[in-house]
Amino acid sequence: MSSTARAPPPPLKLEILDSRPLTATETVVALHNFLSNGTAIHSAPTSINHQVTQLYEKLRLEAKRHN
């Protein structure tokens, strides 16, 4: 049996399911759903969680500007 330590899995795995462009509003909705329903973001390191939340807030403001 080896006592070699394994590296922890990456904190966040993003997968591109569709490559079509999104409007600012569609992006905000998708990111909101991810933040609300994605349990992975809550277990991610605080810095990643903070960065994704900041991105969401900035996109919300941009979407409001365009509507």
PDB file of N, CA and C in Angstrom:
ATOM      1  N   MET A   1       0.838  -1.179   0.000  1.00  0.00           N
ATOM      2  CA  MET A   1       0.000   0.000   0.000  1.00  0.00           C
ATOM      3  C   MET A   1       0.884   1.243   0.000  1.00  0.00           C
ATOM      4  N   SER A   2       0.580   2.175  -0.840  1.00  0.00           N
ATOM      5  CA  SER A   2       1.367   3.393  -0.963  1.00  0.00           C
ATOM      6  C   SER A   2       0.786   4.488  -0.076  1.00  0.00           C
ATOM      7  N   SER A   3       1.647   5.299   0.487  1.00  0.00           N
ATOM      8  CA  SER A   3       1.181   6.409   1.323  1.00  0.00           C
ATOM      9  C   SER A   3       1.282   7.736   0.575  1.00  0.00           C
ATOM     10  N   THR A   4       1.273   7.658  -0.750  1.00  0.00           N
ATOM     11  CA  THR A   4       1.364   8.863  -1.563  1.00  0.00           C
ATOM     12  C   THR A   4       0.073   9.670  -1.443  1.00  0.00           C
ATOM     13  N   ALA A   5       0.213  10.941  -1.129  1.00  0.00           N
ATOM     14  CA  ALA A   5      -0.963  11.807  -1.007  1.00  0.00           C
ATOM     15  C   ALA A   5      -1.457  12.205  -2.392  1.00  0.00           C
ATOM     16  N   ARG A   6      -2.745  12.194  -2.548  1.00  0.00           N
ATOM     17  CA  ARG A   6      -3.340  12.616  -3.817  1.00  0.00           C
ATOM     18  C   ARG A   6      -3.752  14.073  -3.728  1.00  0.00           C
ATOM     19  N   ALA A   7      -3.649  14.742  -4.845  1.00  0.00           N
ATOM     20  CA  ALA A   7      -4.076  16.137  -4.902  1.00  0.00           C
ATOM     21  C   ALA A   7      -5.596  16.191  -4.812  1.00  0.00           C
ATOM     22  N   PRO A   8      -6.128  17.196  -4.131  1.00  0.00           N
ATOM     23  CA  PRO A   8      -7.588  17.312  -4.055  1.00  0.00           C
ATOM     24  C   PRO A   8      -8.160  17.626  -5.438  1.00  0.00           C
ATOM     25  N   PRO A   9      -9.408  17.278  -5.669  1.00  0.00           N
ATOM     26  CA  PRO A   9     -10.017  17.579  -6.962  1.00  0.00           C
ATOM     27  C   PRO A   9     -10.140  19.084  -7.153  1.00  0.00           C
ATOM     28  N   PRO A  10     -10.225  19.547  -8.391  1.00  0.00           N
ATOM     29  CA  PRO A  10     -10.399  20.982  -8.621  1.00  0.00           C
ATOM     30  C   PRO A  10     -11.662  21.469  -7.902  1.00  0.00           C
ATOM     31  N   PRO A  11     -11.642  22.703  -7.388  1.00  0.00           N
ATOM     32  CA  PRO A  11     -12.782  23.184  -6.613  1.00  0.00           C
ATOM     33  C   PRO A  11     -14.028  23.450  -7.453  1.00  0.00           C
ATOM     34  N   LEU A  12     -13.854  23.675  -8.727  1.00  0.00           N
ATOM     35  CA  LEU A  12     -14.986  24.040  -9.561  1.00  0.00           C
ATOM     36  C   LEU A  12     -14.758  23.516 -10.963  1.00  0.00           C
ATOM     37  N   LYS A  13     -15.715  22.788 -11.479  1.00  0.00           N
ATOM     38  CA  LYS A  13     -15.605  22.245 -12.829  1.00  0.00           C
ATOM     39  C   LYS A  13     -16.689  22.884 -13.685  1.00  0.00           C
ATOM     40  N   LEU A  14     -16.275  23.595 -14.707  1.00  0.00           N
ATOM     41  CA  LEU A  14     -17.220  24.217 -15.626  1.00  0.00           C
ATOM     42  C   LEU A  14     -17.232  23.431 -16.921  1.00  0.00           C
ATOM     43  N   GLU A  15     -18.409  23.243 -17.448  1.00  0.00           N
ATOM     44  CA  GLU A  15     -18.558  22.489 -18.680  1.00  0.00           C
ATOM     45  C   GLU A  15     -19.395  23.313 -19.650  1.00  0.00           C
ATOM     46  N   ILE A  16     -18.905  23.502 -20.865  1.00  0.00           N
ATOM     47  CA  ILE A  16     -19.643  24.261 -21.873  1.00  0.00           C
ATOM     48  C   ILE A  16     -20.588  23.305 -22.584  1.00  0.00           C
ATOM     49  N   LEU A  17     -21.883  23.561 -22.435  1.00  0.00           N
ATOM     50  CA  LEU A  17     -22.886  22.694 -23.032  1.00  0.00           C
ATOM     51  C   LEU A  17     -23.415  23.250 -24.346  1.00  0.00           C
ATOM     52  N   ASP A  18     -23.290  24.535 -24.532  1.00  0.00           N
ATOM     53  CA  ASP A  18     -23.816  25.179 -25.733  1.00  0.00           C
ATOM     54  C   ASP A  18     -22.881  26.336 -26.078  1.00  0.00           C
ATOM     55  N   SER A  19     -22.529  26.462 -27.326  1.00  0.00           N
ATOM     56  CA  SER A  19     -21.575  27.510 -27.693  1.00  0.00           C
ATOM     57  C   SER A  19     -22.239  28.721 -28.337  1.00  0.00           C
ATOM     58  N   ARG A  20     -23.573  28.761 -28.353  1.00  0.00           N
ATOM     59  CA  ARG A  20     -24.224  29.930 -28.954  1.00  0.00           C
ATOM     60  C   ARG A  20     -24.061  31.137 -28.029  1.00  0.00           C
ATOM     61  N   PRO A  21     -23.968  32.319 -28.598  1.00  0.00           N
ATOM     62  CA  PRO A  21     -23.835  33.523 -27.773  1.00  0.00           C
ATOM     63  C   PRO A  21     -25.098  33.753 -26.932  1.00  0.00           C
ATOM     64  N   LEU A  22     -24.921  34.283 -25.746  1.00  0.00           N
ATOM     65  CA  LEU A  22     -26.035  34.611 -24.864  1.00  0.00           C
ATOM     66  C   LEU A  22     -26.165  36.116 -24.751  1.00  0.00           C
ATOM     67  N   THR A  23     -27.388  36.581 -24.563  1.00  0.00           N
ATOM     68  CA  THR A  23     -27.579  37.992 -24.261  1.00  0.00           C
ATOM     69  C   THR A  23     -27.153  38.218 -22.815  1.00  0.00           C
ATOM     70  N   ALA A  24     -27.016  39.470 -22.433  1.00  0.00           N
ATOM     71  CA  ALA A  24     -26.649  39.780 -21.050  1.00  0.00           C
ATOM     72  C   ALA A  24     -27.702  39.240 -20.090  1.00  0.00           C
ATOM     73  N   THR A  25     -28.973  39.365 -20.453  1.00  0.00           N
ATOM     74  CA  THR A  25     -30.053  38.876 -19.594  1.00  0.00           C
ATOM     75  C   THR A  25     -30.010  37.361 -19.457  1.00  0.00           C
ATOM     76  N   GLU A  26     -29.786  36.641 -20.555  1.00  0.00           N
ATOM     77  CA  GLU A  26     -29.691  35.177 -20.503  1.00  0.00           C
ATOM     78  C   GLU A  26     -28.515  34.740 -19.632  1.00  0.00           C
ATOM     79  N   THR A  27     -27.429  35.480 -19.711  1.00  0.00           N
ATOM     80  CA  THR A  27     -26.252  35.163 -18.909  1.00  0.00           C
ATOM     81  C   THR A  27     -26.544  35.345 -17.427  1.00  0.00           C
ATOM     82  N   VAL A  28     -27.226  36.437 -17.097  1.00  0.00           N
ATOM     83  CA  VAL A  28     -27.581  36.693 -15.699  1.00  0.00           C
ATOM     84  C   VAL A  28     -28.483  35.585 -15.166  1.00  0.00           C
ATOM     85  N   VAL A  29     -29.467  35.171 -15.964  1.00  0.00           N
ATOM     86  CA  VAL A  29     -30.382  34.107 -15.536  1.00  0.00           C
ATOM     87  C   VAL A  29     -29.610  32.802 -15.319  1.00  0.00           C
ATOM     88  N   ALA A  30     -28.736  32.464 -16.247  1.00  0.00           N
ATOM     89  CA  ALA A  30     -27.962  31.224 -16.123  1.00  0.00           C
ATOM     90  C   ALA A  30     -27.053  31.264 -14.896  1.00  0.00           C
ATOM     91  N   LEU A  31     -26.396  32.383 -14.682  1.00  0.00           N
ATOM     92  CA  LEU A  31     -25.501  32.503 -13.529  1.00  0.00           C
ATOM     93  C   LEU A  31     -26.287  32.521 -12.222  1.00  0.00           C
ATOM     94  N   HIS A  32     -27.441  33.174 -12.230  1.00  0.00           N
ATOM     95  CA  HIS A  32     -28.303  33.173 -11.039  1.00  0.00           C
ATOM     96  C   HIS A  32     -28.729  31.744 -10.690  1.00  0.00           C
ATOM     97  N   ASN A  33     -29.140  30.991 -11.696  1.00  0.00           N
ATOM     98  CA  ASN A  33     -29.536  29.596 -11.465  1.00  0.00           C
ATOM     99  C   ASN A  33     -28.365  28.781 -10.924  1.00  0.00           C
ATOM    100  N   PHE A  34     -27.193  29.011 -11.471  1.00  0.00           N
ATOM    101  CA  PHE A  34     -26.005  28.302 -10.996  1.00  0.00           C
ATOM    102  C   PHE A  34     -25.719  28.635  -9.535  1.00  0.00           C
ATOM    103  N   LEU A  35     -25.773  29.920  -9.198  1.00  0.00           N
ATOM    104  CA  LEU A  35     -25.479  30.327  -7.823  1.00  0.00           C
ATOM    105  C   LEU A  35     -26.557  29.854  -6.851  1.00  0.00           C
ATOM    106  N   SER A  36     -27.797  29.804  -7.308  1.00  0.00           N
ATOM    107  CA  SER A  36     -28.899  29.390  -6.437  1.00  0.00           C
ATOM    108  C   SER A  36     -28.978  27.881  -6.280  1.00  0.00           C
ATOM    109  N   ASN A  37     -28.737  27.159  -7.364  1.00  0.00           N
ATOM    110  CA  ASN A  37     -28.946  25.711  -7.363  1.00  0.00           C
ATOM    111  C   ASN A  37     -27.656  24.903  -7.362  1.00  0.00           C
ATOM    112  N   GLY A  38     -26.542  25.547  -7.612  1.00  0.00           N
ATOM    113  CA  GLY A  38     -25.272  24.819  -7.708  1.00  0.00           C
ATOM    114  C   GLY A  38     -24.620  24.674  -6.349  1.00  0.00           C
ATOM    115  N   THR A  39     -24.700  23.496  -5.795  1.00  0.00           N
ATOM    116  CA  THR A  39     -24.091  23.293  -4.479  1.00  0.00           C
ATOM    117  C   THR A  39     -22.574  23.351  -4.555  1.00  0.00           C
ATOM    118  N   ALA A  40     -22.020  23.146  -5.744  1.00  0.00           N
ATOM    119  CA  ALA A  40     -20.562  23.146  -5.889  1.00  0.00           C
ATOM    120  C   ALA A  40     -19.960  24.493  -5.514  1.00  0.00           C
ATOM    121  N   ILE A  41     -20.621  25.582  -5.865  1.00  0.00           N
ATOM    122  CA  ILE A  41     -20.056  26.901  -5.595  1.00  0.00           C
ATOM    123  C   ILE A  41     -19.966  27.150  -4.090  1.00  0.00           C
ATOM    124  N   HIS A  42     -20.867  26.569  -3.317  1.00  0.00           N
ATOM    125  CA  HIS A  42     -20.846  26.778  -1.872  1.00  0.00           C
ATOM    126  C   HIS A  42     -19.710  26.009  -1.207  1.00  0.00           C
ATOM    127  N   SER A  43     -19.228  24.968  -1.868  1.00  0.00           N
ATOM    128  CA  SER A  43     -18.111  24.213  -1.301  1.00  0.00           C
ATOM    129  C   SER A  43     -16.771  24.645  -1.893  1.00  0.00           C
ATOM    130  N   ALA A  44     -16.813  25.564  -2.842  1.00  0.00           N
ATOM    131  CA  ALA A  44     -15.582  26.076  -3.449  1.00  0.00           C
ATOM    132  C   ALA A  44     -14.891  27.019  -2.464  1.00  0.00           C
ATOM    133  N   PRO A  45     -13.601  27.230  -2.660  1.00  0.00           N
ATOM    134  CA  PRO A  45     -12.905  28.190  -1.795  1.00  0.00           C
ATOM    135  C   PRO A  45     -13.570  29.565  -1.852  1.00  0.00           C
ATOM    136  N   THR A  46     -13.473  30.290  -0.771  1.00  0.00           N
ATOM    137  CA  THR A  46     -14.124  31.595  -0.652  1.00  0.00           C
ATOM    138  C   THR A  46     -13.745  32.530  -1.792  1.00  0.00           C
ATOM    139  N   SER A  47     -12.499  32.516  -2.230  1.00  0.00           N
ATOM    140  CA  SER A  47     -12.068  33.435  -3.289  1.00  0.00           C
ATOM    141  C   SER A  47     -12.800  33.154  -4.599  1.00  0.00           C
ATOM    142  N   ILE A  48     -13.022  31.885  -4.919  1.00  0.00           N
ATOM    143  CA  ILE A  48     -13.746  31.539  -6.145  1.00  0.00           C
ATOM    144  C   ILE A  48     -15.202  31.945  -6.011  1.00  0.00           C
ATOM    145  N   ASN A  49     -15.796  31.641  -4.881  1.00  0.00           N
ATOM    146  CA  ASN A  49     -17.186  32.003  -4.630  1.00  0.00           C
ATOM    147  C   ASN A  49     -17.361  33.515  -4.762  1.00  0.00           C
ATOM    148  N   HIS A  50     -16.444  34.270  -4.187  1.00  0.00           N
ATOM    149  CA  HIS A  50     -16.498  35.733  -4.239  1.00  0.00           C
ATOM    150  C   HIS A  50     -16.369  36.239  -5.679  1.00  0.00           C
ATOM    151  N   GLN A  51     -15.449  35.679  -6.441  1.00  0.00           N
ATOM    152  CA  GLN A  51     -15.248  36.117  -7.822  1.00  0.00           C
ATOM    153  C   GLN A  51     -16.476  35.840  -8.681  1.00  0.00           C
ATOM    154  N   VAL A  52     -17.087  34.669  -8.514  1.00  0.00           N
ATOM    155  CA  VAL A  52     -18.281  34.332  -9.293  1.00  0.00           C
ATOM    156  C   VAL A  52     -19.433  35.252  -8.893  1.00  0.00           C
ATOM    157  N   THR A  53     -19.559  35.537  -7.616  1.00  0.00           N
ATOM    158  CA  THR A  53     -20.619  36.435  -7.148  1.00  0.00           C
ATOM    159  C   THR A  53     -20.407  37.842  -7.692  1.00  0.00           C
ATOM    160  N   GLN A  54     -19.171  38.317  -7.716  1.00  0.00           N
ATOM    161  CA  GLN A  54     -18.877  39.636  -8.290  1.00  0.00           C
ATOM    162  C   GLN A  54     -19.218  39.672  -9.773  1.00  0.00           C
ATOM    163  N   LEU A  55     -18.867  38.624 -10.491  1.00  0.00           N
ATOM    164  CA  LEU A  55     -19.191  38.530 -11.910  1.00  0.00           C
ATOM    165  C   LEU A  55     -20.697  38.615 -12.107  1.00  0.00           C
ATOM    166  N   TYR A  56     -21.443  37.899 -11.297  1.00  0.00           N
ATOM    167  CA  TYR A  56     -22.905  37.910 -11.372  1.00  0.00           C
ATOM    168  C   TYR A  56     -23.444  39.324 -11.159  1.00  0.00           C
ATOM    169  N   GLU A  57     -22.960  40.017 -10.140  1.00  0.00           N
ATOM    170  CA  GLU A  57     -23.434  41.373  -9.851  1.00  0.00           C
ATOM    171  C   GLU A  57     -23.131  42.334 -11.004  1.00  0.00           C
ATOM    172  N   LYS A  58     -21.940  42.239 -11.572  1.00  0.00           N
ATOM    173  CA  LYS A  58     -21.572  43.117 -12.689  1.00  0.00           C
ATOM    174  C   LYS A  58     -22.409  42.813 -13.926  1.00  0.00           C
ATOM    175  N   LEU A  59     -22.673  41.539 -14.177  1.00  0.00           N
ATOM    176  CA  LEU A  59     -23.518  41.173 -15.314  1.00  0.00           C
ATOM    177  C   LEU A  59     -24.952  41.649 -15.112  1.00  0.00           C
ATOM    178  N   ARG A  60     -25.441  41.589 -13.878  1.00  0.00           N
ATOM    179  CA  ARG A  60     -26.796  42.096 -13.593  1.00  0.00           C
ATOM    180  C   ARG A  60     -26.893  43.577 -13.919  1.00  0.00           C
ATOM    181  N   LEU A  61     -25.894  44.345 -13.511  1.00  0.00           N
ATOM    182  CA  LEU A  61     -25.891  45.779 -13.804  1.00  0.00           C
ATOM    183  C   LEU A  61     -25.838  46.030 -15.307  1.00  0.00           C
ATOM    184  N   GLU A  62     -25.026  45.260 -16.010  1.00  0.00           N
ATOM    185  CA  GLU A  62     -24.909  45.400 -17.466  1.00  0.00           C
ATOM    186  C   GLU A  62     -26.233  45.054 -18.148  1.00  0.00           C
ATOM    187  N   ALA A  63     -26.897  44.014 -17.695  1.00  0.00           N
ATOM    188  CA  ALA A  63     -28.183  43.621 -18.275  1.00  0.00           C
ATOM    189  C   ALA A  63     -29.229  44.707 -18.042  1.00  0.00           C
ATOM    190  N   LYS A  64     -29.232  45.311 -16.853  1.00  0.00           N
ATOM    191  CA  LYS A  64     -30.173  46.399 -16.559  1.00  0.00           C
ATOM    192  C   LYS A  64     -29.911  47.591 -17.475  1.00  0.00           C
ATOM    193  N   ARG A  65     -28.651  47.855 -17.740  1.00  0.00           N
ATOM    194  CA  ARG A  65     -28.281  48.974 -18.608  1.00  0.00           C
ATOM    195  C   ARG A  65     -28.804  48.790 -20.021  1.00  0.00           C
ATOM    196  N   HIS A  66     -28.864  47.549 -20.485  1.00  0.00           N
ATOM    197  CA  HIS A  66     -29.283  47.264 -21.853  1.00  0.00           C
ATOM    198  C   HIS A  66     -30.785  47.074 -21.990  1.00  0.00           C
ATOM    199  N   ASN A  67     -31.494  47.001 -20.887  1.00  0.00           N
ATOM    200  CA  ASN A  67     -32.957  46.808 -20.960  1.00  0.00           C
ATOM    201  C   ASN A  67     -33.706  48.074 -20.695  1.00  0.00           C
TER     202      ASN A  67
END
